[in-house]
């Protein structure tokens, strides 16, 4: 007795993630650090998941976790639990850390890059 003919199931290739646009040669730097990028994201959206911060900044979630720890240790950021999520409070009155910009506060930085 002949069995039914089995056909190979066609496997669809997984979608290829699109890379972030790369700067031109010699332009692979920015004016602000990843620490400031993380801070700006959390100041704008205090309940944002770190996974989403990582995606926006273009770094790993683990790097964002280290940066958040740095910011907490410096007294610039406070993390609190809100149910299953974290809520981040930015202490905008804190001075910037480098001697050249220490006369400015976190608030001054956030005003410069205000997100509408």
N, C-alpha and C. Protein backbone atom coordinates (compact mmCIF):
# COMPACT_ATOMS: atom_id res chain seq x y z
N UNK A 1 0.84 -1.16 0.00
CA UNK A 1 0.00 0.00 0.00
C UNK A 1 0.89 1.22 0.00
N UNK A 2 0.58 2.15 -0.87
CA UNK A 2 1.39 3.36 -1.01
C UNK A 2 0.84 4.42 -0.06
N UNK A 3 1.73 5.02 0.69
CA UNK A 3 1.31 6.08 1.60
C UNK A 3 1.16 7.39 0.86
N UNK A 4 0.63 8.37 1.56
CA UNK A 4 0.47 9.70 0.97
C UNK A 4 1.84 10.30 0.70
N UNK A 5 1.92 11.07 -0.32
CA UNK A 5 3.19 11.72 -0.67
C UNK A 5 3.39 12.88 0.29
N UNK A 6 4.53 12.88 0.92
CA UNK A 6 4.84 13.98 1.85
C UNK A 6 5.63 15.03 1.12
N UNK A 7 5.20 16.22 1.28
CA UNK A 7 5.92 17.33 0.65
C UNK A 7 6.70 18.07 1.72
N UNK A 8 7.86 18.50 1.33
CA UNK A 8 8.67 19.28 2.26
C UNK A 8 7.97 20.60 2.52
N UNK A 9 7.90 20.93 3.77
CA UNK A 9 7.30 22.20 4.16
C UNK A 9 8.29 23.31 3.82
N UNK A 10 7.80 24.30 3.12
CA UNK A 10 8.67 25.42 2.76
C UNK A 10 8.94 26.27 3.98
N UNK A 11 10.19 26.48 4.25
CA UNK A 11 10.57 27.30 5.39
C UNK A 11 10.85 28.70 4.90
N UNK A 12 10.16 29.65 5.52
CA UNK A 12 10.36 31.06 5.18
C UNK A 12 11.56 31.58 5.95
N UNK A 13 12.44 32.31 5.29
CA UNK A 13 13.59 32.86 6.02
C UNK A 13 13.12 33.92 7.00
N UNK A 14 13.81 33.98 8.13
CA UNK A 14 13.50 35.00 9.14
C UNK A 14 13.81 36.37 8.59
N UNK A 15 13.01 37.37 8.95
CA UNK A 15 13.31 38.71 8.48
C UNK A 15 14.67 39.18 9.01
N UNK A 16 15.40 39.83 8.17
CA UNK A 16 16.73 40.32 8.55
C UNK A 16 16.57 41.70 9.18
N UNK A 17 17.04 41.87 10.43
CA UNK A 17 16.94 43.20 11.04
C UNK A 17 17.77 44.20 10.26
N UNK A 18 17.21 45.37 10.10
CA UNK A 18 17.91 46.43 9.37
C UNK A 18 18.88 47.13 10.31
N UNK A 19 20.13 47.27 9.91
CA UNK A 19 21.11 47.95 10.77
C UNK A 19 20.81 49.44 10.85
N UNK A 20 21.26 50.03 11.96
CA UNK A 20 21.14 51.47 12.10
C UNK A 20 22.03 52.15 11.06
N UNK A 21 21.61 53.30 10.55
CA UNK A 21 22.48 53.98 9.58
C UNK A 21 23.84 54.29 10.21
N UNK A 22 24.87 54.02 9.47
CA UNK A 22 26.22 54.25 9.97
C UNK A 22 26.73 55.61 9.50
N UNK A 23 27.43 56.32 10.38
CA UNK A 23 27.99 57.60 9.96
C UNK A 23 29.05 57.39 8.88
N UNK A 24 29.30 58.43 8.13
CA UNK A 24 30.35 58.37 7.10
C UNK A 24 31.69 58.15 7.77
N UNK A 25 32.66 57.72 6.99
CA UNK A 25 34.01 57.49 7.51
C UNK A 25 34.51 58.75 8.21
N UNK A 26 35.07 58.56 9.37
CA UNK A 26 35.61 59.70 10.12
C UNK A 26 34.55 60.46 10.91
N UNK A 27 33.29 60.02 10.84
CA UNK A 27 32.22 60.71 11.57
C UNK A 27 31.53 59.78 12.56
N UNK A 28 32.26 58.89 13.19
CA UNK A 28 31.65 57.92 14.08
C UNK A 28 31.65 58.37 15.54
N UNK A 29 31.49 59.64 15.77
CA UNK A 29 31.43 60.16 17.12
C UNK A 29 30.22 61.08 17.25
N UNK A 30 29.82 61.34 18.50
CA UNK A 30 28.72 62.26 18.76
C UNK A 30 29.17 63.24 19.84
N UNK A 31 28.42 64.30 19.99
CA UNK A 31 28.78 65.30 21.01
C UNK A 31 28.42 64.84 22.42
N UNK A 32 27.40 64.01 22.55
CA UNK A 32 26.96 63.55 23.87
C UNK A 32 27.33 62.09 24.05
N UNK A 33 27.50 61.70 25.30
CA UNK A 33 27.87 60.32 25.63
C UNK A 33 26.64 59.43 25.74
N UNK A 34 26.86 58.13 25.82
CA UNK A 34 25.76 57.20 26.05
C UNK A 34 25.09 57.47 27.40
N UNK A 35 25.86 57.92 28.39
CA UNK A 35 25.26 58.28 29.68
C UNK A 35 24.24 59.39 29.51
N UNK A 36 24.60 60.41 28.75
CA UNK A 36 23.64 61.50 28.55
C UNK A 36 22.46 61.05 27.70
N UNK A 37 22.68 60.18 26.74
CA UNK A 37 21.58 59.68 25.92
C UNK A 37 20.58 58.90 26.77
N UNK A 38 21.08 58.04 27.65
CA UNK A 38 20.20 57.28 28.55
C UNK A 38 19.44 58.23 29.46
N UNK A 39 20.14 59.19 30.03
CA UNK A 39 19.51 60.17 30.92
C UNK A 39 18.41 60.94 30.21
N UNK A 40 18.67 61.37 29.00
CA UNK A 40 17.68 62.13 28.22
C UNK A 40 16.44 61.28 27.97
N UNK A 41 16.64 60.03 27.61
CA UNK A 41 15.50 59.12 27.37
C UNK A 41 14.65 58.98 28.62
N UNK A 42 15.30 58.75 29.77
CA UNK A 42 14.56 58.53 31.01
C UNK A 42 13.95 59.82 31.55
N UNK A 43 14.55 60.95 31.27
CA UNK A 43 13.96 62.23 31.69
C UNK A 43 12.69 62.50 30.89
N UNK A 44 12.72 62.13 29.62
CA UNK A 44 11.57 62.35 28.74
C UNK A 44 10.45 61.35 29.02
N UNK A 45 10.81 60.09 29.30
CA UNK A 45 9.82 59.04 29.57
C UNK A 45 10.28 58.24 30.79
N UNK A 46 9.90 58.69 32.00
CA UNK A 46 10.40 58.08 33.24
C UNK A 46 10.00 56.61 33.45
N UNK A 47 9.02 56.12 32.72
CA UNK A 47 8.58 54.73 32.89
C UNK A 47 9.06 53.84 31.75
N UNK A 48 9.96 54.33 30.92
CA UNK A 48 10.46 53.59 29.77
C UNK A 48 11.23 52.35 30.22
N UNK A 49 11.01 51.23 29.55
CA UNK A 49 11.77 50.01 29.85
C UNK A 49 13.21 50.18 29.35
N UNK A 50 14.14 49.58 30.08
CA UNK A 50 15.54 49.70 29.70
C UNK A 50 15.80 49.06 28.33
N UNK A 51 15.03 48.06 27.98
CA UNK A 51 15.13 47.45 26.65
C UNK A 51 14.85 48.50 25.58
N UNK A 52 13.84 49.35 25.83
CA UNK A 52 13.49 50.39 24.87
C UNK A 52 14.54 51.51 24.84
N UNK A 53 15.10 51.82 26.00
CA UNK A 53 16.18 52.80 26.06
C UNK A 53 17.36 52.30 25.23
N UNK A 54 17.71 51.04 25.40
CA UNK A 54 18.83 50.45 24.66
C UNK A 54 18.62 50.56 23.16
N UNK A 55 17.41 50.28 22.73
CA UNK A 55 17.10 50.35 21.30
C UNK A 55 17.24 51.77 20.78
N UNK A 56 16.76 52.73 21.54
CA UNK A 56 16.82 54.13 21.11
C UNK A 56 18.25 54.65 21.07
N UNK A 57 19.03 54.27 22.07
CA UNK A 57 20.41 54.76 22.16
C UNK A 57 21.33 54.00 21.20
N UNK A 58 20.98 52.75 20.92
CA UNK A 58 21.81 51.95 20.02
C UNK A 58 22.90 51.18 20.74
N UNK A 59 22.63 50.81 22.00
CA UNK A 59 23.58 50.03 22.79
C UNK A 59 22.83 48.84 23.38
N UNK A 60 23.54 47.95 24.07
CA UNK A 60 22.90 46.78 24.65
C UNK A 60 22.13 47.14 25.91
N UNK A 61 21.18 46.29 26.23
CA UNK A 61 20.40 46.49 27.46
C UNK A 61 21.32 46.42 28.68
N UNK A 62 22.31 45.54 28.64
CA UNK A 62 23.25 45.43 29.76
C UNK A 62 24.05 46.73 29.93
N UNK A 63 24.43 47.35 28.83
CA UNK A 63 25.15 48.64 28.91
C UNK A 63 24.25 49.70 29.54
N UNK A 64 22.97 49.69 29.18
CA UNK A 64 22.03 50.65 29.78
C UNK A 64 21.92 50.40 31.28
N UNK A 65 21.86 49.14 31.69
CA UNK A 65 21.78 48.82 33.12
C UNK A 65 22.99 49.37 33.87
N UNK A 66 24.18 49.22 33.28
CA UNK A 66 25.40 49.75 33.92
C UNK A 66 25.33 51.28 34.01
N UNK A 67 24.86 51.91 32.96
CA UNK A 67 24.77 53.38 32.95
C UNK A 67 23.78 53.85 33.99
N UNK A 68 22.62 53.19 34.09
CA UNK A 68 21.62 53.56 35.09
C UNK A 68 22.22 53.41 36.49
N UNK A 69 22.98 52.35 36.72
CA UNK A 69 23.65 52.18 38.02
C UNK A 69 24.63 53.32 38.29
N UNK A 70 25.40 53.70 37.27
CA UNK A 70 26.32 54.84 37.41
C UNK A 70 25.57 56.11 37.78
N UNK A 71 24.46 56.36 37.08
CA UNK A 71 23.68 57.58 37.32
C UNK A 71 23.05 57.57 38.71
N UNK A 72 22.61 56.40 39.16
CA UNK A 72 22.06 56.28 40.51
C UNK A 72 23.14 56.53 41.56
N UNK A 73 24.30 55.92 41.35
CA UNK A 73 25.42 56.07 42.29
C UNK A 73 25.85 57.53 42.40
N UNK A 74 25.76 58.27 41.30
CA UNK A 74 26.15 59.68 41.29
C UNK A 74 25.05 60.60 41.83
N UNK A 75 23.89 60.04 42.16
CA UNK A 75 22.79 60.86 42.69
C UNK A 75 22.04 61.64 41.63
N UNK A 76 22.20 61.25 40.38
CA UNK A 76 21.55 61.95 39.27
C UNK A 76 20.19 61.35 38.96
N UNK A 77 20.01 60.10 39.33
CA UNK A 77 18.80 59.35 38.98
C UNK A 77 18.40 58.50 40.18
N UNK A 78 17.09 58.38 40.40
CA UNK A 78 16.56 57.48 41.41
C UNK A 78 15.58 56.54 40.73
N UNK A 79 15.73 55.26 41.04
CA UNK A 79 14.84 54.24 40.48
C UNK A 79 13.90 53.76 41.57
N UNK A 80 12.61 53.65 41.24
CA UNK A 80 11.64 53.09 42.18
C UNK A 80 10.72 52.14 41.43
N UNK A 81 10.16 51.19 42.16
CA UNK A 81 9.25 50.22 41.55
C UNK A 81 7.85 50.79 41.52
N UNK A 82 7.18 50.55 40.39
CA UNK A 82 5.78 50.93 40.23
C UNK A 82 5.08 49.70 39.65
N UNK A 83 4.59 48.82 40.55
CA UNK A 83 4.04 47.55 40.10
C UNK A 83 5.17 46.68 39.57
N UNK A 84 5.05 46.25 38.32
CA UNK A 84 6.09 45.41 37.70
C UNK A 84 7.12 46.24 36.95
N UNK A 85 6.92 47.52 36.89
CA UNK A 85 7.82 48.40 36.12
C UNK A 85 8.66 49.26 37.05
N UNK A 86 9.71 49.82 36.48
CA UNK A 86 10.53 50.79 37.20
C UNK A 86 10.09 52.19 36.78
N UNK A 87 10.24 53.11 37.68
CA UNK A 87 10.01 54.53 37.41
C UNK A 87 11.31 55.25 37.76
N UNK A 88 11.73 56.15 36.89
CA UNK A 88 13.00 56.84 37.08
C UNK A 88 12.75 58.32 37.32
N UNK A 89 13.39 58.85 38.35
CA UNK A 89 13.29 60.28 38.65
C UNK A 89 14.67 60.90 38.45
N UNK A 90 14.70 61.91 37.60
CA UNK A 90 15.96 62.61 37.33
C UNK A 90 16.07 63.78 38.30
N UNK A 91 17.22 63.91 38.93
CA UNK A 91 17.49 65.02 39.85
C UNK A 91 18.17 66.14 39.06
N UNK A 92 17.34 66.97 38.48
CA UNK A 92 17.78 67.96 37.51
C UNK A 92 18.69 69.04 38.10
N UNK A 93 18.70 69.21 39.40
CA UNK A 93 19.55 70.23 40.01
C UNK A 93 21.00 69.82 40.18
N UNK A 94 21.31 68.56 39.92
CA UNK A 94 22.68 68.08 40.06
C UNK A 94 23.58 68.71 39.01
N UNK A 95 24.83 69.04 39.39
CA UNK A 95 25.76 69.61 38.40
C UNK A 95 26.27 68.54 37.44
N UNK A 96 26.68 68.96 36.26
CA UNK A 96 27.35 68.05 35.33
C UNK A 96 28.71 67.70 35.92
N UNK A 97 29.28 66.60 35.51
CA UNK A 97 30.43 66.02 36.23
C UNK A 97 31.80 66.52 35.79
N UNK A 98 31.96 66.95 34.57
CA UNK A 98 33.28 67.37 34.10
C UNK A 98 33.55 68.81 34.55
N UNK A 99 34.78 69.13 34.95
CA UNK A 99 35.09 70.49 35.41
C UNK A 99 34.73 71.58 34.39
N UNK A 100 34.82 71.30 33.12
CA UNK A 100 34.51 72.31 32.11
C UNK A 100 33.03 72.67 32.13
N UNK A 101 32.17 71.70 32.45
CA UNK A 101 30.73 71.99 32.42
C UNK A 101 30.09 71.95 33.81
N UNK A 102 30.88 71.88 34.87
CA UNK A 102 30.35 71.75 36.22
C UNK A 102 29.50 72.94 36.66
N UNK A 103 29.63 74.05 35.95
CA UNK A 103 28.80 75.22 36.29
C UNK A 103 27.37 75.05 35.76
N UNK A 104 27.11 73.99 34.99
CA UNK A 104 25.77 73.70 34.44
C UNK A 104 25.16 72.54 35.20
N UNK A 105 23.84 72.46 35.16
CA UNK A 105 23.13 71.38 35.84
C UNK A 105 22.54 70.41 34.81
N UNK A 106 22.05 69.30 35.32
CA UNK A 106 21.34 68.33 34.48
C UNK A 106 20.18 69.03 33.78
N UNK A 107 19.52 69.92 34.48
CA UNK A 107 18.40 70.67 33.90
C UNK A 107 18.84 71.48 32.68
N UNK A 108 20.02 72.10 32.78
CA UNK A 108 20.54 72.87 31.64
C UNK A 108 20.75 71.95 30.43
N UNK A 109 21.30 70.77 30.66
CA UNK A 109 21.51 69.81 29.58
C UNK A 109 20.18 69.41 28.96
N UNK A 110 19.21 69.09 29.80
CA UNK A 110 17.91 68.64 29.30
C UNK A 110 17.19 69.73 28.51
N UNK A 111 17.39 70.99 28.90
CA UNK A 111 16.77 72.09 28.15
C UNK A 111 17.37 72.19 26.75
N UNK A 112 18.65 71.93 26.63
CA UNK A 112 19.33 72.01 25.33
C UNK A 112 18.76 70.98 24.37
N UNK A 113 18.48 69.79 24.86
CA UNK A 113 18.04 68.70 23.99
C UNK A 113 16.56 68.39 24.19
N UNK A 114 15.80 69.37 24.59
CA UNK A 114 14.37 69.17 24.85
C UNK A 114 13.70 68.45 23.69
N UNK A 115 12.98 67.40 24.03
CA UNK A 115 12.26 66.61 23.05
C UNK A 115 10.80 67.06 23.08
N UNK A 116 10.29 67.40 21.94
CA UNK A 116 8.89 67.84 21.90
C UNK A 116 7.94 66.69 21.75
